Amino acid sequence: MPILFDVKEAAERFDELIERTLRGEVFVICRGGIPIAELTAIPKAAGTMDHVRALAAEGRASVPPGASSNHDEFYDEHGLPK
């Protein structure tokens, strides 16, 4: 359940709210008792480029030796399907 904060109090405690947001809490900012904004953490990206490279290497390791992605046998000399 979101925790409600008045704009002024949220501004005074902004650093604290950011830290708490990173731990998973959600805050609703109100003006005059009316909710106007929500403070939530942005989800982390799927991974870094190192993670992507590791996944690619893992996939390449499962390809049998001599395998190819060349499919020339399916196309004629003009590149059209046979």
Protein backbone atom coordinates (compact mmCIF):
# COMPACT_ATOMS: atom_id res chain seq x y z
CA MET A 1 0.00 0.00 0.00
CA PRO A 2 1.48 3.39 -0.95
CA ILE A 3 2.44 5.85 1.75
CA LEU A 4 1.01 9.37 1.36
CA PHE A 5 3.15 12.51 1.68
CA ASP A 6 2.27 16.16 1.28
CA VAL A 7 4.37 17.96 -1.35
CA LYS A 8 6.20 20.07 1.23
CA GLU A 9 7.09 17.12 3.46
CA ALA A 10 8.13 15.03 0.46
CA ALA A 11 10.44 17.84 -0.67
CA GLU A 12 12.02 18.07 2.79
CA ARG A 13 12.56 14.29 2.97
CA PHE A 14 13.33 13.66 -0.71
CA ASP A 15 16.69 11.90 -0.19
CA GLU A 16 15.14 9.57 2.37
CA LEU A 17 12.19 8.80 0.07
CA ILE A 18 14.54 7.97 -2.80
CA GLU A 19 16.47 5.50 -0.64
CA ARG A 20 13.26 3.90 0.59
CA THR A 21 11.94 3.73 -2.96
CA LEU A 22 15.05 1.80 -4.00
CA ARG A 23 14.15 -0.73 -1.29
CA GLY A 24 10.72 -1.24 -2.87
CA GLU A 25 8.43 1.24 -1.12
CA VAL A 26 5.94 3.31 -3.12
CA PHE A 27 4.93 6.86 -2.17
CA VAL A 28 2.02 9.01 -3.31
CA ILE A 29 2.61 12.76 -3.27
CA CYS A 30 -0.46 14.85 -2.44
CA ARG A 31 -1.35 18.53 -2.75
CA GLY A 32 -4.20 19.65 -0.57
CA GLY A 33 -5.05 16.03 0.22
CA ILE A 34 -5.42 15.12 -3.47
CA PRO A 35 -2.94 12.59 -4.93
CA ILE A 36 -0.96 14.16 -7.78
CA ALA A 37 2.12 11.96 -8.26
CA GLU A 38 3.59 8.58 -7.44
CA LEU A 39 7.21 7.93 -6.54
CA THR A 40 8.40 4.44 -7.50
CA ALA A 41 11.71 2.91 -8.51
CA ILE A 42 12.42 2.35 -12.20
CA PRO A 43 12.86 -1.38 -12.90
CA LYS A 44 16.43 -2.43 -13.58
CA ALA A 45 17.41 -3.10 -17.17
CA ALA A 46 17.54 -6.69 -18.38
CA GLY A 47 21.32 -6.75 -18.11
CA THR A 48 24.58 -5.14 -19.00
CA MET A 49 26.41 -5.71 -22.26
CA ASP A 50 28.70 -8.14 -20.42
CA HIS A 51 25.60 -10.15 -19.51
CA VAL A 52 24.42 -10.10 -23.14
CA ARG A 53 27.87 -11.21 -24.37
CA ALA A 54 27.90 -14.06 -21.84
CA LEU A 55 24.48 -15.23 -23.07
CA ALA A 56 25.69 -15.10 -26.68
CA ALA A 57 28.80 -17.13 -25.81
CA GLU A 58 26.61 -19.67 -24.00
CA GLY A 59 24.43 -20.01 -27.10
CA ARG A 60 27.42 -20.39 -29.41
CA ALA A 61 28.83 -23.15 -27.20
CA SER A 62 25.76 -25.30 -27.91
CA VAL A 63 26.17 -25.13 -31.72
CA PRO A 64 27.72 -28.34 -33.10
CA PRO A 65 31.09 -28.03 -34.90
CA GLY A 66 30.73 -27.44 -38.63
CA ALA A 67 27.20 -26.04 -38.33
CA SER A 68 26.42 -23.07 -40.53
CA SER A 69 23.65 -20.56 -41.00
CA ASN A 70 24.27 -20.60 -44.74
CA HIS A 71 21.15 -21.78 -46.60
CA ASP A 72 22.28 -21.43 -50.21
CA GLU A 73 20.63 -24.76 -51.12
CA PHE A 74 17.22 -23.07 -50.73
CA TYR A 75 17.92 -20.19 -53.18
CA ASP A 76 18.81 -19.92 -56.87
CA GLU A 77 21.64 -17.84 -58.36
CA HIS A 78 19.42 -14.72 -58.20
CA GLY A 79 18.69 -15.13 -54.46
CA LEU A 80 15.11 -16.23 -55.07
CA PRO A 81 13.61 -19.27 -53.33
CA LYS A 82 13.86 -22.50 -55.37
